[in-house]
């Protein structure tokens, strides 16, 4: 019973996932990482969106995000990562990651999904 599903990107330049329910490290290994590697092979960059619709205790947030972000080994390819959550703890961790990782990491609330997709797929760069 996979609790992480890919979000259709409709030709936009990002790869996105929605996490629902009880997501664990195996879900990232089997679902996310192979798709991310395919995306990076195609575009030579990584625009990643993660919509978190699961209740995480503050204790598990750090370990969970570590799987979500550090589990992806193509560090040098990170360009933009949009994390969609209404949970304050996740926002704090995302800000920490943005300081230590290559690329831009940004949090959005659930009601900002369209803005997040636009940002992560670099549509805001087009004049």
PDB file of N, CA and C in Angstrom:
ATOM      1  N   UNK A   1       0.848  -1.197   0.000  1.00  0.00           N
ATOM      2  CA  UNK A   1       0.000   0.000   0.000  1.00  0.00           C
ATOM      3  C   UNK A   1       0.880   1.242   0.000  1.00  0.00           C
ATOM      4  N   UNK A   2       1.171   1.741  -1.188  1.00  0.00           N
ATOM      5  CA  UNK A   2       2.091   2.871  -1.310  1.00  0.00           C
ATOM      6  C   UNK A   2       1.382   4.152  -0.898  1.00  0.00           C
ATOM      7  N   UNK A   3       2.029   4.903  -0.052  1.00  0.00           N
ATOM      8  CA  UNK A   3       1.441   6.130   0.460  1.00  0.00           C
ATOM      9  C   UNK A   3       2.093   7.374  -0.126  1.00  0.00           C
ATOM     10  N   UNK A   4       2.875   7.172  -1.183  1.00  0.00           N
ATOM     11  CA  UNK A   4       3.445   8.336  -1.843  1.00  0.00           C
ATOM     12  C   UNK A   4       3.145   8.187  -3.334  1.00  0.00           C
ATOM     13  N   UNK A   5       2.533   9.207  -3.917  1.00  0.00           N
ATOM     14  CA  UNK A   5       2.103   9.123  -5.313  1.00  0.00           C
ATOM     15  C   UNK A   5       2.681  10.299  -6.095  1.00  0.00           C
ATOM     16  N   UNK A   6       2.980  10.027  -7.354  1.00  0.00           N
ATOM     17  CA  UNK A   6       3.518  11.079  -8.209  1.00  0.00           C
ATOM     18  C   UNK A   6       2.401  12.039  -8.612  1.00  0.00           C
ATOM     19  N   UNK A   7       2.734  13.313  -8.673  1.00  0.00           N
ATOM     20  CA  UNK A   7       1.793  14.346  -9.108  1.00  0.00           C
ATOM     21  C   UNK A   7       2.016  14.565 -10.602  1.00  0.00           C
ATOM     22  N   UNK A   8       0.946  14.550 -11.370  1.00  0.00           N
ATOM     23  CA  UNK A   8       1.058  14.796 -12.809  1.00  0.00           C
ATOM     24  C   UNK A   8       1.635  16.191 -13.041  1.00  0.00           C
ATOM     25  N   UNK A   9       2.617  16.289 -13.922  1.00  0.00           N
ATOM     26  CA  UNK A   9       3.252  17.602 -14.106  1.00  0.00           C
ATOM     27  C   UNK A   9       2.832  18.306 -15.391  1.00  0.00           C
ATOM     28  N   UNK A  10       2.004  17.676 -16.214  1.00  0.00           N
ATOM     29  CA  UNK A  10       1.430  18.317 -17.405  1.00  0.00           C
ATOM     30  C   UNK A  10       2.454  19.108 -18.216  1.00  0.00           C
ATOM     31  N   UNK A  11       3.589  18.479 -18.464  1.00  0.00           N
ATOM     32  CA  UNK A  11       4.593  19.098 -19.322  1.00  0.00           C
ATOM     33  C   UNK A  11       5.436  20.167 -18.653  1.00  0.00           C
ATOM     34  N   UNK A  12       5.212  20.417 -17.392  1.00  0.00           N
ATOM     35  CA  UNK A  12       6.036  21.402 -16.688  1.00  0.00           C
ATOM     36  C   UNK A  12       7.324  20.728 -16.222  1.00  0.00           C
ATOM     37  N   UNK A  13       8.361  21.536 -16.018  1.00  0.00           N
ATOM     38  CA  UNK A  13       9.686  20.994 -15.735  1.00  0.00           C
ATOM     39  C   UNK A  13       9.898  20.806 -14.228  1.00  0.00           C
ATOM     40  N   UNK A  14       9.172  19.850 -13.656  1.00  0.00           N
ATOM     41  CA  UNK A  14       9.392  19.486 -12.260  1.00  0.00           C
ATOM     42  C   UNK A  14       8.916  18.059 -12.067  1.00  0.00           C
ATOM     43  N   UNK A  15       9.351  17.458 -10.973  1.00  0.00           N
ATOM     44  CA  UNK A  15       8.827  16.155 -10.597  1.00  0.00           C
ATOM     45  C   UNK A  15       8.268  16.312  -9.197  1.00  0.00           C
ATOM     46  N   UNK A  16       7.034  15.861  -9.010  1.00  0.00           N
ATOM     47  CA  UNK A  16       6.368  16.105  -7.740  1.00  0.00           C
ATOM     48  C   UNK A  16       5.728  14.855  -7.174  1.00  0.00           C
ATOM     49  N   UNK A  17       5.615  14.834  -5.849  1.00  0.00           N
ATOM     50  CA  UNK A  17       5.028  13.707  -5.141  1.00  0.00           C
ATOM     51  C   UNK A  17       4.128  14.204  -4.028  1.00  0.00           C
ATOM     52  N   UNK A  18       3.078  13.434  -3.763  1.00  0.00           N
ATOM     53  CA  UNK A  18       2.174  13.716  -2.653  1.00  0.00           C
ATOM     54  C   UNK A  18       2.328  12.585  -1.646  1.00  0.00           C
ATOM     55  N   UNK A  19       2.621  12.952  -0.416  1.00  0.00           N
ATOM     56  CA  UNK A  19       2.787  11.975   0.656  1.00  0.00           C
ATOM     57  C   UNK A  19       1.525  11.964   1.505  1.00  0.00           C
ATOM     58  N   UNK A  20       0.912  10.782   1.628  1.00  0.00           N
ATOM     59  CA  UNK A  20      -0.344  10.649   2.357  1.00  0.00           C
ATOM     60  C   UNK A  20      -0.202   9.506   3.352  1.00  0.00           C
ATOM     61  N   UNK A  21      -0.696   9.697   4.571  1.00  0.00           N
ATOM     62  CA  UNK A  21      -0.721   8.600   5.526  1.00  0.00           C
ATOM     63  C   UNK A  21       0.651   8.246   6.050  1.00  0.00           C
ATOM     64  N   UNK A  22       0.915   6.962   6.162  1.00  0.00           N
ATOM     65  CA  UNK A  22       2.119   6.460   6.816  1.00  0.00           C
ATOM     66  C   UNK A  22       3.215   6.208   5.792  1.00  0.00           C
ATOM     67  N   UNK A  23       4.000   7.224   5.520  1.00  0.00           N
ATOM     68  CA  UNK A  23       5.068   7.120   4.527  1.00  0.00           C
ATOM     69  C   UNK A  23       6.363   6.779   5.250  1.00  0.00           C
ATOM     70  N   UNK A  24       7.122   5.842   4.688  1.00  0.00           N
ATOM     71  CA  UNK A  24       8.404   5.510   5.313  1.00  0.00           C
ATOM     72  C   UNK A  24       9.540   5.585   4.297  1.00  0.00           C
ATOM     73  N   UNK A  25      10.737   5.323   4.760  1.00  0.00           N
ATOM     74  CA  UNK A  25      11.921   5.454   3.904  1.00  0.00           C
ATOM     75  C   UNK A  25      11.832   4.559   2.673  1.00  0.00           C
ATOM     76  N   UNK A  26      11.238   3.374   2.821  1.00  0.00           N
ATOM     77  CA  UNK A  26      11.127   2.462   1.680  1.00  0.00           C
ATOM     78  C   UNK A  26      10.318   3.075   0.545  1.00  0.00           C
ATOM     79  N   UNK A  27       9.304   3.872   0.897  1.00  0.00           N
ATOM     80  CA  UNK A  27       8.503   4.523  -0.140  1.00  0.00           C
ATOM     81  C   UNK A  27       9.371   5.461  -0.977  1.00  0.00           C
ATOM     82  N   UNK A  28      10.280   6.173  -0.309  1.00  0.00           N
ATOM     83  CA  UNK A  28      11.170   7.057  -1.052  1.00  0.00           C
ATOM     84  C   UNK A  28      12.122   6.255  -1.923  1.00  0.00           C
ATOM     85  N   UNK A  29      12.636   5.147  -1.391  1.00  0.00           N
ATOM     86  CA  UNK A  29      13.595   4.330  -2.134  1.00  0.00           C
ATOM     87  C   UNK A  29      12.956   3.712  -3.368  1.00  0.00           C
ATOM     88  N   UNK A  30      11.724   3.220  -3.227  1.00  0.00           N
ATOM     89  CA  UNK A  30      11.108   2.479  -4.328  1.00  0.00           C
ATOM     90  C   UNK A  30      10.316   3.355  -5.286  1.00  0.00           C
ATOM     91  N   UNK A  31       9.753   4.459  -4.798  1.00  0.00           N
ATOM     92  CA  UNK A  31       8.888   5.288  -5.645  1.00  0.00           C
ATOM     93  C   UNK A  31       9.608   6.547  -6.117  1.00  0.00           C
ATOM     94  N   UNK A  32      10.124   7.315  -5.175  1.00  0.00           N
ATOM     95  CA  UNK A  32      10.638   8.645  -5.500  1.00  0.00           C
ATOM     96  C   UNK A  32      11.983   8.590  -6.213  1.00  0.00           C
ATOM     97  N   UNK A  33      12.932   7.879  -5.639  1.00  0.00           N
ATOM     98  CA  UNK A  33      14.304   7.972  -6.135  1.00  0.00           C
ATOM     99  C   UNK A  33      14.455   7.498  -7.585  1.00  0.00           C
ATOM    100  N   UNK A  34      13.839   6.378  -7.990  1.00  0.00           N
ATOM    101  CA  UNK A  34      13.966   5.998  -9.410  1.00  0.00           C
ATOM    102  C   UNK A  34      13.387   7.051 -10.357  1.00  0.00           C
ATOM    103  N   UNK A  35      12.268   7.660  -9.982  1.00  0.00           N
ATOM    104  CA  UNK A  35      11.663   8.691 -10.839  1.00  0.00           C
ATOM    105  C   UNK A  35      12.529   9.944 -10.886  1.00  0.00           C
ATOM    106  N   UNK A  36      13.095  10.306  -9.741  1.00  0.00           N
ATOM    107  CA  UNK A  36      13.979  11.473  -9.695  1.00  0.00           C
ATOM    108  C   UNK A  36      15.205  11.238 -10.573  1.00  0.00           C
ATOM    109  N   UNK A  37      15.776  10.039 -10.491  1.00  0.00           N
ATOM    110  CA  UNK A  37      16.961   9.752 -11.292  1.00  0.00           C
ATOM    111  C   UNK A  37      16.650   9.829 -12.783  1.00  0.00           C
ATOM    112  N   UNK A  38      15.470   9.372 -13.179  1.00  0.00           N
ATOM    113  CA  UNK A  38      15.047   9.476 -14.579  1.00  0.00           C
ATOM    114  C   UNK A  38      14.908  10.939 -15.000  1.00  0.00           C
ATOM    115  N   UNK A  39      14.306  11.742 -14.123  1.00  0.00           N
ATOM    116  CA  UNK A  39      14.115  13.168 -14.396  1.00  0.00           C
ATOM    117  C   UNK A  39      15.464  13.869 -14.574  1.00  0.00           C
ATOM    118  N   UNK A  40      16.399  13.593 -13.661  1.00  0.00           N
ATOM    119  CA  UNK A  40      17.720  14.238 -13.711  1.00  0.00           C
ATOM    120  C   UNK A  40      18.473  13.801 -14.973  1.00  0.00           C
ATOM    121  N   UNK A  41      18.334  12.538 -15.347  1.00  0.00           N
ATOM    122  CA  UNK A  41      18.988  12.061 -16.571  1.00  0.00           C
ATOM    123  C   UNK A  41      18.463  12.820 -17.788  1.00  0.00           C
ATOM    124  N   UNK A  42      17.187  13.168 -17.760  1.00  0.00           N
ATOM    125  CA  UNK A  42      16.571  13.867 -18.896  1.00  0.00           C
ATOM    126  C   UNK A  42      16.919  15.359 -18.911  1.00  0.00           C
ATOM    127  N   UNK A  43      16.841  16.015 -17.749  1.00  0.00           N
ATOM    128  CA  UNK A  43      16.967  17.479 -17.692  1.00  0.00           C
ATOM    129  C   UNK A  43      18.308  17.972 -17.131  1.00  0.00           C
ATOM    130  N   UNK A  44      19.090  17.090 -16.529  1.00  0.00           N
ATOM    131  CA  UNK A  44      20.370  17.450 -15.909  1.00  0.00           C
ATOM    132  C   UNK A  44      20.204  18.485 -14.789  1.00  0.00           C
ATOM    133  N   UNK A  45      19.030  18.497 -14.181  1.00  0.00           N
ATOM    134  CA  UNK A  45      18.758  19.383 -13.059  1.00  0.00           C
ATOM    135  C   UNK A  45      17.600  18.768 -12.300  1.00  0.00           C
ATOM    136  N   UNK A  46      17.366  19.236 -11.079  1.00  0.00           N
ATOM    137  CA  UNK A  46      16.267  18.675 -10.300  1.00  0.00           C
ATOM    138  C   UNK A  46      15.379  19.769  -9.737  1.00  0.00           C
ATOM    139  N   UNK A  47      14.145  19.804 -10.215  1.00  0.00           N
ATOM    140  CA  UNK A  47      13.082  20.638  -9.652  1.00  0.00           C
ATOM    141  C   UNK A  47      12.091  19.679  -9.010  1.00  0.00           C
ATOM    142  N   UNK A  48      11.987  19.743  -7.694  1.00  0.00           N
ATOM    143  CA  UNK A  48      11.323  18.708  -6.895  1.00  0.00           C
ATOM    144  C   UNK A  48      10.236  19.333  -6.043  1.00  0.00           C
ATOM    145  N   UNK A  49       9.062  18.742  -6.096  1.00  0.00           N
ATOM    146  CA  UNK A  49       7.956  19.226  -5.284  1.00  0.00           C
ATOM    147  C   UNK A  49       7.472  18.081  -4.402  1.00  0.00           C
ATOM    148  N   UNK A  50       7.307  18.376  -3.128  1.00  0.00           N
ATOM    149  CA  UNK A  50       6.806  17.373  -2.195  1.00  0.00           C
ATOM    150  C   UNK A  50       5.635  17.970  -1.423  1.00  0.00           C
ATOM    151  N   UNK A  51       4.454  17.400  -1.662  1.00  0.00           N
ATOM    152  CA  UNK A  51       3.244  17.852  -0.964  1.00  0.00           C
ATOM    153  C   UNK A  51       2.982  16.886   0.190  1.00  0.00           C
ATOM    154  N   UNK A  52       3.085  17.401   1.398  1.00  0.00           N
ATOM    155  CA  UNK A  52       2.978  16.550   2.580  1.00  0.00           C
ATOM    156  C   UNK A  52       1.576  16.649   3.159  1.00  0.00           C
ATOM    157  N   UNK A  53       0.819  15.563   3.001  1.00  0.00           N
ATOM    158  CA  UNK A  53      -0.555  15.510   3.508  1.00  0.00           C
ATOM    159  C   UNK A  53      -0.651  14.404   4.541  1.00  0.00           C
ATOM    160  N   UNK A  54       0.350  14.329   5.378  1.00  0.00           N
ATOM    161  CA  UNK A  54       0.378  13.303   6.403  1.00  0.00           C
ATOM    162  C   UNK A  54       0.715  13.967   7.722  1.00  0.00           C
ATOM    163  N   UNK A  55       0.156  13.475   8.782  1.00  0.00           N
ATOM    164  CA  UNK A  55       0.437  14.045  10.096  1.00  0.00           C
ATOM    165  C   UNK A  55       1.764  13.482  10.593  1.00  0.00           C
ATOM    166  N   UNK A  56       2.698  14.351  10.856  1.00  0.00           N
ATOM    167  CA  UNK A  56       3.996  13.928  11.366  1.00  0.00           C
ATOM    168  C   UNK A  56       4.189  14.529  12.747  1.00  0.00           C
ATOM    169  N   UNK A  57       4.576  13.714  13.684  1.00  0.00           N
ATOM    170  CA  UNK A  57       4.930  14.284  14.985  1.00  0.00           C
ATOM    171  C   UNK A  57       6.240  15.031  14.810  1.00  0.00           C
ATOM    172  N   UNK A  58       6.477  16.034  15.629  1.00  0.00           N
ATOM    173  CA  UNK A  58       7.718  16.799  15.513  1.00  0.00           C
ATOM    174  C   UNK A  58       8.937  15.914  15.656  1.00  0.00           C
ATOM    175  N   UNK A  59       8.815  14.841  16.397  1.00  0.00           N
ATOM    176  CA  UNK A  59       9.944  13.940  16.595  1.00  0.00           C
ATOM    177  C   UNK A  59      10.361  13.286  15.283  1.00  0.00           C
ATOM    178  N   UNK A  60       9.397  12.921  14.452  1.00  0.00           N
ATOM    179  CA  UNK A  60       9.732  12.191  13.220  1.00  0.00           C
ATOM    180  C   UNK A  60      10.022  13.101  12.039  1.00  0.00           C
ATOM    181  N   UNK A  61       9.728  14.383  12.170  1.00  0.00           N
ATOM    182  CA  UNK A  61       9.888  15.291  11.031  1.00  0.00           C
ATOM    183  C   UNK A  61      11.309  15.269  10.485  1.00  0.00           C
ATOM    184  N   UNK A  62      12.301  15.363  11.378  1.00  0.00           N
ATOM    185  CA  UNK A  62      13.689  15.443  10.929  1.00  0.00           C
ATOM    186  C   UNK A  62      14.128  14.208  10.174  1.00  0.00           C
ATOM    187  N   UNK A  63      13.862  13.038  10.735  1.00  0.00           N
ATOM    188  CA  UNK A  63      14.259  11.790  10.093  1.00  0.00           C
ATOM    189  C   UNK A  63      13.525  11.614   8.769  1.00  0.00           C
ATOM    190  N   UNK A  64      12.275  12.003   8.767  1.00  0.00           N
ATOM    191  CA  UNK A  64      11.436  11.836   7.583  1.00  0.00           C
ATOM    192  C   UNK A  64      11.924  12.723   6.446  1.00  0.00           C
ATOM    193  N   UNK A  65      12.193  13.990   6.752  1.00  0.00           N
ATOM    194  CA  UNK A  65      12.684  14.899   5.716  1.00  0.00           C
ATOM    195  C   UNK A  65      14.072  14.500   5.240  1.00  0.00           C
ATOM    196  N   UNK A  66      14.842  13.928   6.136  1.00  0.00           N
ATOM    197  CA  UNK A  66      16.167  13.455   5.731  1.00  0.00           C
ATOM    198  C   UNK A  66      16.027  12.397   4.642  1.00  0.00           C
ATOM    199  N   UNK A  67      15.083  11.476   4.807  1.00  0.00           N
ATOM    200  CA  UNK A  67      14.818  10.487   3.762  1.00  0.00           C
ATOM    201  C   UNK A  67      14.345  11.166   2.484  1.00  0.00           C
ATOM    202  N   UNK A  68      13.476  12.157   2.634  1.00  0.00           N
ATOM    203  CA  UNK A  68      12.872  12.819   1.480  1.00  0.00           C
ATOM    204  C   UNK A  68      13.889  13.604   0.670  1.00  0.00           C
ATOM    205  N   UNK A  69      14.887  14.164   1.362  1.00  0.00           N
ATOM    206  CA  UNK A  69      15.820  15.069   0.697  1.00  0.00           C
ATOM    207  C   UNK A  69      17.210  14.454   0.564  1.00  0.00           C
ATOM    208  N   UNK A  70      17.771  13.989   1.670  1.00  0.00           N
ATOM    209  CA  UNK A  70      19.127  13.452   1.613  1.00  0.00           C
ATOM    210  C   UNK A  70      19.174  12.087   0.945  1.00  0.00           C
ATOM    211  N   UNK A  71      18.037  11.414   0.874  1.00  0.00           N
ATOM    212  CA  UNK A  71      17.994  10.129   0.188  1.00  0.00           C
ATOM    213  C   UNK A  71      18.241  10.256  -1.304  1.00  0.00           C
ATOM    214  N   UNK A  72      18.067  11.450  -1.810  1.00  0.00           N
ATOM    215  CA  UNK A  72      18.286  11.704  -3.240  1.00  0.00           C
ATOM    216  C   UNK A  72      19.748  12.091  -3.407  1.00  0.00           C
ATOM    217  N   UNK A  73      20.506  11.210  -4.037  1.00  0.00           N
ATOM    218  CA  UNK A  73      21.960  11.329  -4.022  1.00  0.00           C
ATOM    219  C   UNK A  73      22.521  12.356  -5.007  1.00  0.00           C
ATOM    220  N   UNK A  74      21.705  12.859  -5.895  1.00  0.00           N
ATOM    221  CA  UNK A  74      22.212  13.752  -6.943  1.00  0.00           C
ATOM    222  C   UNK A  74      22.287  15.188  -6.419  1.00  0.00           C
ATOM    223  N   UNK A  75      23.039  15.368  -5.320  1.00  0.00           N
ATOM    224  CA  UNK A  75      23.089  16.669  -4.644  1.00  0.00           C
ATOM    225  C   UNK A  75      23.398  17.816  -5.583  1.00  0.00           C
ATOM    226  N   UNK A  76      24.369  17.607  -6.471  1.00  0.00           N
ATOM    227  CA  UNK A  76      24.817  18.711  -7.313  1.00  0.00           C
ATOM    228  C   UNK A  76      23.758  19.138  -8.318  1.00  0.00           C
ATOM    229  N   UNK A  77      22.731  18.320  -8.481  1.00  0.00           N
ATOM    230  CA  UNK A  77      21.698  18.629  -9.477  1.00  0.00           C
ATOM    231  C   UNK A  77      20.507  19.383  -8.882  1.00  0.00           C
ATOM    232  N   UNK A  78      20.448  19.519  -7.549  1.00  0.00           N
ATOM    233  CA  UNK A  78      19.327  20.238  -6.934  1.00  0.00           C
ATOM    234  C   UNK A  78      19.244  21.643  -7.501  1.00  0.00           C
ATOM    235  N   UNK A  79      18.085  22.031  -7.949  1.00  0.00           N
ATOM    236  CA  UNK A  79      17.873  23.388  -8.426  1.00  0.00           C
ATOM    237  C   UNK A  79      16.827  24.064  -7.551  1.00  0.00           C
ATOM    238  N   UNK A  80      15.609  23.543  -7.593  1.00  0.00           N
ATOM    239  CA  UNK A  80      14.539  24.083  -6.760  1.00  0.00           C
ATOM    240  C   UNK A  80      13.772  22.939  -6.107  1.00  0.00           C
ATOM    241  N   UNK A  81      13.409  23.138  -4.862  1.00  0.00           N
ATOM    242  CA  UNK A  81      12.578  22.170  -4.151  1.00  0.00           C
ATOM    243  C   UNK A  81      11.469  22.932  -3.445  1.00  0.00           C
ATOM    244  N   UNK A  82      10.245  22.591  -3.770  1.00  0.00           N
ATOM    245  CA  UNK A  82       9.078  23.186  -3.109  1.00  0.00           C
ATOM    246  C   UNK A  82       8.501  22.146  -2.165  1.00  0.00           C
ATOM    247  N   UNK A  83       8.388  22.510  -0.907  1.00  0.00           N
ATOM    248  CA  UNK A  83       7.794  21.629   0.097  1.00  0.00           C
ATOM    249  C   UNK A  83       6.457  22.248   0.487  1.00  0.00           C
ATOM    250  N   UNK A  84       5.381  21.488   0.303  1.00  0.00           N
ATOM    251  CA  UNK A  84       4.042  22.007   0.581  1.00  0.00           C
ATOM    252  C   UNK A  84       3.532  21.386   1.865  1.00  0.00           C
ATOM    253  N   UNK A  85       3.345  22.242   2.859  1.00  0.00           N
ATOM    254  CA  UNK A  85       2.939  21.766   4.176  1.00  0.00           C
ATOM    255  C   UNK A  85       2.330  22.921   4.951  1.00  0.00           C
ATOM    256  N   UNK A  86       1.473  22.596   5.887  1.00  0.00           N
ATOM    257  CA  UNK A  86       0.987  23.602   6.826  1.00  0.00           C
ATOM    258  C   UNK A  86       1.620  23.401   8.198  1.00  0.00           C
ATOM    259  N   UNK A  87       2.594  22.488   8.293  1.00  0.00           N
ATOM    260  CA  UNK A  87       3.205  22.136   9.571  1.00  0.00           C
ATOM    261  C   UNK A  87       4.440  22.996   9.832  1.00  0.00           C
ATOM    262  N   UNK A  88       4.440  23.706  10.927  1.00  0.00           N
ATOM    263  CA  UNK A  88       5.527  24.639  11.233  1.00  0.00           C
ATOM    264  C   UNK A  88       6.878  23.932  11.347  1.00  0.00           C
ATOM    265  N   UNK A  89       6.905  22.746  11.956  1.00  0.00           N
ATOM    266  CA  UNK A  89       8.167  22.024  12.122  1.00  0.00           C
ATOM    267  C   UNK A  89       8.833  21.716  10.795  1.00  0.00           C
ATOM    268  N   UNK A  90       8.036  21.332   9.806  1.00  0.00           N
ATOM    269  CA  UNK A  90       8.586  21.022   8.487  1.00  0.00           C
ATOM    270  C   UNK A  90       9.136  22.289   7.839  1.00  0.00           C
ATOM    271  N   UNK A  91       8.435  23.407   8.034  1.00  0.00           N
ATOM    272  CA  UNK A  91       8.914  24.677   7.468  1.00  0.00           C
ATOM    273  C   UNK A  91      10.279  25.035   8.042  1.00  0.00           C
ATOM    274  N   UNK A  92      10.456  24.816   9.341  1.00  0.00           N
ATOM    275  CA  UNK A  92      11.733  25.129   9.989  1.00  0.00           C
ATOM    276  C   UNK A  92      12.845  24.239   9.426  1.00  0.00           C
ATOM    277  N   UNK A  93      12.568  22.929   9.290  1.00  0.00           N
ATOM    278  CA  UNK A  93      13.569  22.024   8.714  1.00  0.00           C
ATOM    279  C   UNK A  93      13.902  22.393   7.281  1.00  0.00           C
ATOM    280  N   UNK A  94      12.905  22.791   6.513  1.00  0.00           N
ATOM    281  CA  UNK A  94      13.152  23.169   5.117  1.00  0.00           C
ATOM    282  C   UNK A  94      14.069  24.378   5.048  1.00  0.00           C
ATOM    283  N   UNK A  95      13.855  25.347   5.940  1.00  0.00           N
ATOM    284  CA  UNK A  95      14.743  26.511   5.971  1.00  0.00           C
ATOM    285  C   UNK A  95      16.176  26.096   6.305  1.00  0.00           C
ATOM    286  N   UNK A  96      16.329  25.133   7.208  1.00  0.00           N
ATOM    287  CA  UNK A  96      17.667  24.637   7.532  1.00  0.00           C
ATOM    288  C   UNK A  96      18.312  23.973   6.317  1.00  0.00           C
ATOM    289  N   UNK A  97      17.540  23.144   5.614  1.00  0.00           N
ATOM    290  CA  UNK A  97      18.083  22.475   4.422  1.00  0.00           C
ATOM    291  C   UNK A  97      18.524  23.501   3.381  1.00  0.00           C
ATOM    292  N   UNK A  98      17.767  24.588   3.246  1.00  0.00           N
ATOM    293  CA  UNK A  98      18.106  25.564   2.213  1.00  0.00           C
ATOM    294  C   UNK A  98      19.453  26.223   2.504  1.00  0.00           C
ATOM    295  N   UNK A  99      19.879  26.193   3.765  1.00  0.00           N
ATOM    296  CA  UNK A  99      21.178  26.783   4.108  1.00  0.00           C
ATOM    297  C   UNK A  99      22.337  25.834   3.811  1.00  0.00           C
ATOM    298  N   UNK A 100      22.095  24.523   3.873  1.00  0.00           N
ATOM    299  CA  UNK A 100      23.208  23.573   3.705  1.00  0.00           C
ATOM    300  C   UNK A 100      23.227  22.900   2.339  1.00  0.00           C
ATOM    301  N   UNK A 101      22.146  22.984   1.597  1.00  0.00           N
ATOM    302  CA  UNK A 101      22.054  22.289   0.311  1.00  0.00           C
ATOM    303  C   UNK A 101      22.316  23.249  -0.842  1.00  0.00           C
ATOM    304  N   UNK A 102      22.749  22.681  -1.950  1.00  0.00           N
ATOM    305  CA  UNK A 102      22.794  23.410  -3.215  1.00  0.00           C
ATOM    306  C   UNK A 102      21.345  23.619  -3.655  1.00  0.00           C
ATOM    307  N   UNK A 103      21.077  24.739  -4.273  1.00  0.00           N
ATOM    308  CA  UNK A 103      19.728  24.969  -4.797  1.00  0.00           C
ATOM    309  C   UNK A 103      18.853  25.742  -3.829  1.00  0.00           C
ATOM    310  N   UNK A 104      17.640  26.036  -4.288  1.00  0.00           N
ATOM    311  CA  UNK A 104      16.689  26.808  -3.506  1.00  0.00           C
ATOM    312  C   UNK A 104      15.619  25.884  -2.938  1.00  0.00           C
ATOM    313  N   UNK A 105      15.364  26.019  -1.659  1.00  0.00           N
ATOM    314  CA  UNK A 105      14.306  25.264  -1.001  1.00  0.00           C
ATOM    315  C   UNK A 105      13.292  26.261  -0.467  1.00  0.00           C
ATOM    316  N   UNK A 106      12.020  26.019  -0.743  1.00  0.00           N
ATOM    317  CA  UNK A 106      11.000  26.977  -0.356  1.00  0.00           C
ATOM    318  C   UNK A 106       9.757  26.226   0.115  1.00  0.00           C
ATOM    319  N   UNK A 107       9.145  26.740   1.175  1.00  0.00           N
ATOM    320  CA  UNK A 107       7.905  26.148   1.677  1.00  0.00           C
ATOM    321  C   UNK A 107       6.694  26.914   1.166  1.00  0.00           C
ATOM    322  N   UNK A 108       5.639  26.179   0.925  1.00  0.00           N
ATOM    323  CA  UNK A 108       4.357  26.749   0.534  1.00  0.00           C
ATOM    324  C   UNK A 108       3.278  26.097   1.380  1.00  0.00           C
ATOM    325  N   UNK A 109       2.207  26.831   1.635  1.00  0.00           N
ATOM    326  CA  UNK A 109       1.031  26.247   2.290  1.00  0.00           C
ATOM    327  C   UNK A 109       0.223  25.467   1.252  1.00  0.00           C
ATOM    328  N   UNK A 110      -0.660  24.598   1.726  1.00  0.00           N
ATOM    329  CA  UNK A 110      -1.461  23.780   0.802  1.00  0.00           C
ATOM    330  C   UNK A 110      -2.297  24.624  -0.153  1.00  0.00           C
ATOM    331  N   UNK A 111      -2.765  25.782   0.301  1.00  0.00           N
ATOM    332  CA  UNK A 111      -3.595  26.604  -0.596  1.00  0.00           C
ATOM    333  C   UNK A 111      -2.747  27.362  -1.620  1.00  0.00           C
ATOM    334  N   UNK A 112      -1.438  27.142  -1.608  1.00  0.00           N
ATOM    335  CA  UNK A 112      -0.536  27.794  -2.568  1.00  0.00           C
ATOM    336  C   UNK A 112       0.041  26.800  -3.574  1.00  0.00           C
ATOM    337  N   UNK A 113      -0.642  25.674  -3.789  1.00  0.00           N
ATOM    338  CA  UNK A 113      -0.117  24.627  -4.676  1.00  0.00           C
ATOM    339  C   UNK A 113       0.207  25.162  -6.063  1.00  0.00           C
ATOM    340  N   UNK A 114      -0.687  25.948  -6.642  1.00  0.00           N
ATOM    341  CA  UNK A 114      -0.442  26.469  -7.994  1.00  0.00           C
ATOM    342  C   UNK A 114       0.807  27.341  -8.034  1.00  0.00           C
ATOM    343  N   UNK A 115       0.966  28.190  -7.020  1.00  0.00           N
ATOM    344  CA  UNK A 115       2.157  29.049  -6.951  1.00  0.00           C
ATOM    345  C   UNK A 115       3.416  28.209  -6.797  1.00  0.00           C
ATOM    346  N   UNK A 116       3.319  27.146  -5.996  1.00  0.00           N
ATOM    347  CA  UNK A 116       4.472  26.268  -5.789  1.00  0.00           C
ATOM    348  C   UNK A 116       4.875  25.595  -7.094  1.00  0.00           C
ATOM    349  N   UNK A 117       3.894  25.102  -7.846  1.00  0.00           N
ATOM    350  CA  UNK A 117       4.185  24.439  -9.122  1.00  0.00           C
ATOM    351  C   UNK A 117       4.813  25.435 -10.092  1.00  0.00           C
ATOM    352  N   UNK A 118       4.280  26.634 -10.139  1.00  0.00           N
ATOM    353  CA  UNK A 118       4.827  27.665 -11.016  1.00  0.00           C
ATOM    354  C   UNK A 118       6.273  27.987 -10.647  1.00  0.00           C
ATOM    355  N   UNK A 119       6.530  28.114  -9.343  1.00  0.00           N
ATOM    356  CA  UNK A 119       7.881  28.444  -8.882  1.00  0.00           C
ATOM    357  C   UNK A 119       8.845  27.300  -9.151  1.00  0.00           C
ATOM    358  N   UNK A 120       8.443  26.075  -8.772  1.00  0.00           N
ATOM    359  CA  UNK A 120       9.384  24.953  -8.860  1.00  0.00           C
ATOM    360  C   UNK A 120       9.686  24.591 -10.314  1.00  0.00           C
ATOM    361  N   UNK A 121       8.749  24.854 -11.211  1.00  0.00           N
ATOM    362  CA  UNK A 121       8.992  24.546 -12.624  1.00  0.00           C
ATOM    363  C   UNK A 121       9.620  25.735 -13.355  1.00  0.00           C
ATOM    364  N   UNK A 122      10.022  26.752 -12.580  1.00  0.00           N
ATOM    365  CA  UNK A 122      10.789  27.905 -13.079  1.00  0.00           C
ATOM    366  C   UNK A 122       9.992  28.803 -14.016  1.00  0.00           C
ATOM    367  N   UNK A 123       8.663  28.702 -13.948  1.00  0.00           N
ATOM    368  CA  UNK A 123       7.878  29.564 -14.827  1.00  0.00           C
ATOM    369  C   UNK A 123       8.013  31.041 -14.434  1.00  0.00           C
ATOM    370  N   UNK A 124       8.375  31.278 -13.182  1.00  0.00           N
ATOM    371  CA  UNK A 124       8.528  32.674 -12.745  1.00  0.00           C
ATOM    372  C   UNK A 124       9.773  33.330 -13.331  1.00  0.00           C
ATOM    373  N   UNK A 125      10.660  32.528 -13.974  1.00  0.00           N
ATOM    374  CA  UNK A 125      11.857  33.089 -14.574  1.00  0.00           C
ATOM    375  C   UNK A 125      11.591  33.665 -15.961  1.00  0.00           C
ATOM    376  N   UNK A 126      10.465  33.263 -16.540  1.00  0.00           N
ATOM    377  CA  UNK A 126      10.140  33.733 -17.890  1.00  0.00           C
ATOM    378  C   UNK A 126       9.592  35.150 -17.810  1.00  0.00           C
ATOM    379  N   UNK A 127      10.171  36.001 -18.615  1.00  0.00           N
ATOM    380  CA  UNK A 127       9.723  37.412 -18.618  1.00  0.00           C
ATOM    381  C   UNK A 127       8.625  37.596 -19.643  1.00  0.00           C
TER     382      UNK A 127
END
